[in-house]
Amino acid sequence: MVEWFRKSKQGLISQTRKDIPEGLWTKCPECGEIIYVKELEKNLNTCSHCDYHFKFATTEYIKLLFDDGLYEEHDAGLISGDPLQFKDSKKYTDRIKAAQKKTGQNDAVISGYAKIDGREVSFAMMDFSFIGGSMGSVVGEKIARSIERATMRKIPLIILSCSGGARMQEGILSLMQMAKTSALLAEYDKVRAPYISILTNPTTAGVMASYASLGDVIIAEPKALLGFAGQRVIKQTIGADLPPGFQSSEFFMEHGFLDKIVHRRDLKRVVSQLISHFT
């Protein structure tokens, strides 16, 4: 007799699912939209659905802002020392070497001369991928020299900030950069040329408390994290809940600490207009 109803021991046969290669898609942390990475890059690393600004490499800001992406770099050879012989989970010197290998830069800022719509500027651009864009002696010195070059030539100064603040591995020497750069900006003010400070996500602590907040015009990208101390520290200090959106570009704009919030696609146009207006 044929056993018509005997259960087959063989399981269902299905095609093996092909894994989707990593790095093709990413999720917007603001709206949750799944975005094709190539489309994100075409849109200057901004979400096409909610305009959230993803991290943007320093080299990409250079291409975005400067004519033909060209610039004349200065002080590239400056390298941080280790004055405190600092060591936590690893030596400070090892952290510096690892960051240099990762970024191809000697420290967390690129500086020099460039042109924006044909007008020469002295610039400094911070790189968050180098130890969180932290400000040590080299960063402070390169910022200071950028200010001095702008003062000497009486040309506009552009500083783009992206930093977690002063570099703890250099202790008081990193904090001294706040006073040094602020004093030089006071001298630069006498030449009556514009200093445009651009704040990106994040700009905090010692950098925010010094040259980043001293621009003749201060502009920021949308929804950037801005401020001095962390929210938890502030909340514990004042013993009160913080308002919604605290330490965002929009909150700063509402309370008079910013002059303008600028979408990344409009950044060069706005900076060029400001330079034209002031000069």
Protein backbone atom coordinates (compact mmCIF):
# COMPACT_ATOMS: atom_id res chain seq x y z
CA MET A 1 0.00 0.00 0.00
CA VAL A 2 1.22 3.45 -0.87
CA GLU A 3 1.57 5.59 2.25
CA TRP A 4 -0.03 8.77 0.96
CA PHE A 5 -0.05 10.61 4.29
CA ARG A 6 3.36 9.75 5.67
CA LYS A 7 5.10 12.96 6.86
CA SER A 8 8.24 13.66 4.99
CA LYS A 9 11.34 13.80 7.15
CA GLN A 10 12.90 16.29 4.83
CA GLY A 11 12.45 19.87 5.92
CA LEU A 12 11.34 22.72 3.76
CA ILE A 13 13.94 23.79 1.29
CA SER A 14 14.54 27.52 1.03
CA GLN A 15 17.06 29.66 -0.71
CA THR A 16 19.81 30.96 1.49
CA ARG A 17 19.32 34.68 2.15
CA LYS A 18 22.06 36.78 0.73
CA ASP A 19 23.47 39.12 3.35
CA ILE A 20 23.32 42.82 2.54
CA PRO A 21 26.85 44.27 2.48
CA GLU A 22 27.63 46.50 5.44
CA GLY A 23 28.03 50.23 4.94
CA LEU A 24 25.42 50.68 2.20
CA TRP A 25 22.71 52.09 4.45
CA THR A 26 22.59 54.15 7.62
CA LYS A 27 19.87 55.28 9.98
CA CYS A 28 19.20 58.93 10.72
CA PRO A 29 19.44 59.40 14.51
CA GLU A 30 16.95 62.27 14.34
CA CYS A 31 14.02 60.93 12.28
CA GLY A 32 14.87 57.22 12.06
CA GLU A 33 14.83 57.20 8.25
CA ILE A 34 17.01 54.56 6.55
CA ILE A 35 19.27 56.37 4.09
CA TYR A 36 21.37 55.05 1.23
CA VAL A 37 24.94 56.11 2.08
CA LYS A 38 25.78 57.30 -1.43
CA GLU A 39 22.71 59.55 -1.41
CA LEU A 40 23.74 60.85 2.01
CA GLU A 41 27.18 61.75 0.68
CA LYS A 42 25.66 63.52 -2.34
CA ASN A 43 23.56 65.55 0.11
CA LEU A 44 26.67 66.74 2.01
CA ASN A 45 26.02 64.22 4.81
CA THR A 46 22.65 65.73 5.67
CA CYS A 47 19.38 63.81 5.94
CA SER A 48 17.09 64.53 2.99
CA HIS A 49 14.03 63.95 5.20
CA CYS A 50 14.73 66.05 8.32
CA ASP A 51 17.98 67.94 7.47
CA TYR A 52 19.89 66.29 10.33
CA HIS A 53 23.59 67.04 9.88
CA PHE A 54 25.80 63.96 10.17
CA LYS A 55 29.52 64.27 10.92
CA PHE A 56 31.45 65.84 8.05
CA ALA A 57 35.18 65.36 7.57
CA THR A 58 37.48 68.37 7.78
CA THR A 59 38.71 67.65 4.26
CA GLU A 60 35.10 67.82 3.05
CA TYR A 61 34.57 71.21 4.70
CA ILE A 62 37.67 72.40 2.86
CA LYS A 63 36.21 71.23 -0.48
CA LEU A 64 32.89 72.83 0.42
CA LEU A 65 34.18 76.25 1.49
CA PHE A 66 37.33 77.02 -0.48
CA ASP A 67 37.59 77.83 -4.16
CA ASP A 68 38.33 74.56 -6.00
CA GLY A 69 39.08 73.00 -2.60
CA LEU A 70 42.54 74.58 -2.69
CA TYR A 71 44.46 75.95 0.28
CA GLU A 72 48.00 76.74 1.41
CA GLU A 73 48.69 74.87 4.65
CA HIS A 74 50.90 76.31 7.38
CA ASP A 75 52.39 74.85 10.58
CA ALA A 76 51.61 71.25 9.57
CA GLY A 77 54.79 70.02 11.23
CA LEU A 78 53.84 71.02 14.79
CA ILE A 79 53.49 67.95 17.02
CA SER A 80 52.32 67.70 20.64
CA GLY A 81 54.85 66.86 23.33
CA ASP A 82 54.07 64.98 26.53
CA PRO A 83 54.92 67.54 29.25
CA LEU A 84 53.09 65.66 32.02
CA GLN A 85 54.25 62.14 31.02
CA PHE A 86 50.52 61.37 31.04
CA LYS A 87 49.19 57.83 31.09
CA ASP A 88 45.72 56.41 31.70
CA SER A 89 44.71 53.19 29.94
CA LYS A 90 47.53 53.97 27.50
CA LYS A 91 50.32 56.50 27.15
CA TYR A 92 49.47 59.93 25.75
CA THR A 93 52.25 59.54 23.19
CA ASP A 94 50.62 56.32 21.98
CA ARG A 95 47.27 58.09 21.62
CA ILE A 96 48.93 60.81 19.54
CA LYS A 97 50.57 58.25 17.26
CA ALA A 98 47.31 56.33 16.82
CA ALA A 99 45.41 59.53 15.95
CA GLN A 100 48.11 60.56 13.49
CA LYS A 101 47.91 57.19 11.77
CA LYS A 102 44.10 57.33 11.67
CA THR A 103 43.75 60.87 10.30
CA GLY A 104 46.99 61.49 8.44
CA GLN A 105 47.32 64.75 10.39
CA ASN A 106 49.78 65.70 13.12
CA ASP A 107 47.09 67.24 15.33
CA ALA A 108 43.45 68.25 15.52
CA VAL A 109 43.46 71.36 13.31
CA ILE A 110 44.39 72.29 9.74
CA SER A 111 45.35 75.93 9.17
CA GLY A 112 46.66 78.23 6.48
CA TYR A 113 45.46 80.50 3.68
CA ALA A 114 42.66 79.92 1.18
CA LYS A 115 40.24 81.85 -1.04
CA ILE A 116 36.46 82.08 -0.82
CA ASP A 117 34.97 83.48 -4.03
CA GLY A 118 38.32 85.02 -4.85
CA ARG A 119 38.90 86.68 -1.46
CA GLU A 120 41.88 85.58 0.60
CA VAL A 121 41.24 84.37 4.14
CA SER A 122 43.28 82.98 6.99
CA PHE A 123 41.62 79.83 8.28
CA ALA A 124 41.75 77.09 10.88
CA MET A 125 39.55 73.98 10.75
CA MET A 126 39.30 71.53 13.62
CA ASP A 127 39.17 67.76 13.15
CA PHE A 128 37.01 65.85 15.63
CA SER A 129 38.43 62.50 14.52
CA PHE A 130 41.78 63.48 16.11
CA ILE A 131 41.23 62.76 19.84
CA GLY A 132 37.79 64.36 19.77
CA GLY A 133 39.09 67.61 18.28
CA SER A 134 40.58 68.38 21.68
CA MET A 135 42.60 71.55 22.16
CA GLY A 136 46.14 71.01 23.33
CA SER A 137 49.24 73.17 22.94
CA VAL A 138 49.56 72.50 19.21
CA VAL A 139 45.92 73.30 18.45
CA GLY A 140 46.15 76.51 20.47
CA GLU A 141 49.39 77.49 18.76
CA LYS A 142 48.04 76.83 15.25
CA ILE A 143 44.88 78.81 16.03
CA ALA A 144 47.05 81.62 17.42
CA ARG A 145 49.23 81.70 14.31
CA SER A 146 46.13 81.77 12.09
CA ILE A 147 44.96 84.86 13.98
CA GLU A 148 48.41 86.46 13.68
CA ARG A 149 48.50 85.85 9.92
CA ALA A 150 45.05 87.43 9.55
CA THR A 151 46.21 90.40 11.64
CA MET A 152 49.41 90.81 9.65
CA ARG A 153 47.66 90.77 6.25
CA LYS A 154 44.46 92.44 7.50
CA ILE A 155 42.32 89.75 5.91
CA PRO A 156 39.21 87.88 7.10
CA LEU A 157 39.64 85.06 9.62
CA ILE A 158 37.59 81.86 9.44
CA ILE A 159 37.69 79.32 12.27
CA LEU A 160 35.54 76.20 12.03
CA SER A 161 35.21 74.51 15.42
CA CYS A 162 34.36 70.91 16.22
CA SER A 163 35.72 69.92 19.61
CA GLY A 164 35.13 68.22 22.91
CA GLY A 165 37.20 70.92 24.63
CA ALA A 166 40.65 71.23 26.19
CA ARG A 167 42.91 68.17 26.07
CA MET A 168 43.19 66.81 29.61
CA GLN A 169 46.49 65.02 28.89
CA GLU A 170 48.22 68.40 28.75
CA GLY A 171 46.58 69.82 31.86
CA ILE A 172 47.01 73.55 32.51
CA LEU A 173 48.98 73.96 29.27
CA SER A 174 45.86 73.20 27.26
CA LEU A 175 43.79 75.64 29.35
CA MET A 176 46.36 78.38 28.72
CA GLN A 177 45.42 78.24 25.02
CA MET A 178 42.07 79.82 25.90
CA ALA A 179 43.72 83.00 27.17
CA LYS A 180 46.34 83.07 24.41
CA THR A 181 43.87 82.84 21.54
CA SER A 182 41.42 85.27 23.17
CA ALA A 183 44.14 87.88 23.66
CA LEU A 184 45.23 87.61 20.03
CA LEU A 185 41.64 88.00 18.85
CA ALA A 186 41.47 91.26 20.81
CA GLU A 187 44.51 92.47 18.84
CA TYR A 188 43.00 91.26 15.58
CA ASP A 189 39.87 93.29 16.26
CA LYS A 190 41.94 96.46 15.87
CA VAL A 191 42.58 95.80 12.15
CA ARG A 192 38.80 95.94 11.52
CA ALA A 193 38.69 92.73 9.47
CA PRO A 194 35.93 90.18 10.10
CA TYR A 195 36.33 87.04 12.17
CA ILE A 196 33.63 84.50 11.27
CA SER A 197 33.28 81.64 13.73
CA ILE A 198 31.55 78.49 12.46
CA LEU A 199 30.25 76.07 15.09
CA THR A 200 29.63 72.44 14.16
CA ASN A 201 28.53 69.41 16.13
CA PRO A 202 29.89 69.34 18.82
CA THR A 203 31.58 72.56 19.96
CA THR A 204 32.00 72.47 23.71
CA ALA A 205 34.03 73.23 26.85
CA GLY A 206 37.28 75.23 26.56
CA VAL A 207 36.97 75.79 22.83
CA MET A 208 33.42 77.13 23.18
CA ALA A 209 34.53 79.26 26.13
CA SER A 210 37.29 80.95 24.12
CA TYR A 211 37.82 81.63 20.42
CA ALA A 212 34.69 79.80 19.19
CA SER A 213 32.40 82.30 20.92
CA LEU A 214 34.38 85.46 20.08
CA GLY A 215 33.53 85.87 16.40
CA ASP A 216 32.30 89.11 14.90
CA VAL A 217 29.68 86.80 13.42
CA ILE A 218 28.93 83.39 14.94
CA ILE A 219 27.07 80.89 12.80
CA ALA A 220 26.24 77.26 13.51
CA GLU A 221 24.92 74.21 11.73
CA PRO A 222 21.40 73.04 12.67
CA LYS A 223 20.97 71.02 15.87
CA ALA A 224 24.67 71.13 16.75
CA LEU A 225 25.59 70.38 20.36
CA LEU A 226 27.01 73.59 21.85
CA GLY A 227 27.96 74.54 25.38
CA PHE A 228 30.54 74.47 28.14
CA ALA A 229 29.81 71.81 30.77
CA GLY A 230 27.78 68.65 30.22
CA GLN A 231 24.05 68.62 30.92
CA ARG A 232 24.38 66.22 33.84
CA VAL A 233 26.96 68.45 35.56
CA ILE A 234 24.80 71.55 35.04
CA LYS A 235 21.69 69.82 36.34
CA GLN A 236 23.51 68.64 39.47
CA THR A 237 24.97 72.11 40.03
CA ILE A 238 21.76 74.13 39.75
CA GLY A 239 19.48 71.39 41.10
CA ALA A 240 16.83 71.88 38.41
CA ASP A 241 15.67 70.25 35.20
CA LEU A 242 17.02 71.78 32.02
CA PRO A 243 14.68 73.16 29.34
CA PRO A 244 13.97 71.15 26.16
CA GLY A 245 16.59 71.54 23.45
CA PHE A 246 19.15 72.90 25.90
CA GLN A 247 22.65 73.22 24.38
CA SER A 248 21.41 73.01 20.79
CA SER A 249 22.03 75.56 18.03
CA GLU A 250 18.36 76.46 18.10
CA PHE A 251 18.41 77.11 21.86
CA PHE A 252 21.52 79.29 21.49
CA MET A 253 19.92 81.22 18.64
CA GLU A 254 16.76 81.82 20.64
CA HIS A 255 18.77 83.20 23.56
CA GLY A 256 21.02 85.50 21.54
CA PHE A 257 24.29 83.54 21.50
CA LEU A 258 24.24 82.95 17.74
CA ASP A 259 23.80 85.24 14.76
CA LYS A 260 22.55 82.65 12.30
CA ILE A 261 21.90 78.92 11.84
CA VAL A 262 23.09 77.85 8.39
CA HIS A 263 22.41 74.62 6.51
CA ARG A 264 25.59 73.01 5.26
CA ARG A 265 24.62 73.45 1.60
CA ASP A 266 24.41 77.23 2.16
CA LEU A 267 27.58 77.60 4.20
CA LYS A 268 29.93 78.92 1.51
CA ARG A 269 27.32 81.34 0.15
CA VAL A 270 26.61 82.80 3.60
CA VAL A 271 30.29 83.08 4.55
CA SER A 272 31.08 84.73 1.22
CA GLN A 273 28.24 87.23 1.70
CA LEU A 274 29.48 88.07 5.19
CA ILE A 275 33.03 88.64 3.95
CA SER A 276 31.72 90.84 1.14
CA HIS A 277 29.60 92.85 3.54
CA PHE A 278 32.40 93.48 6.04
CA THR A 279 35.14 94.20 3.50
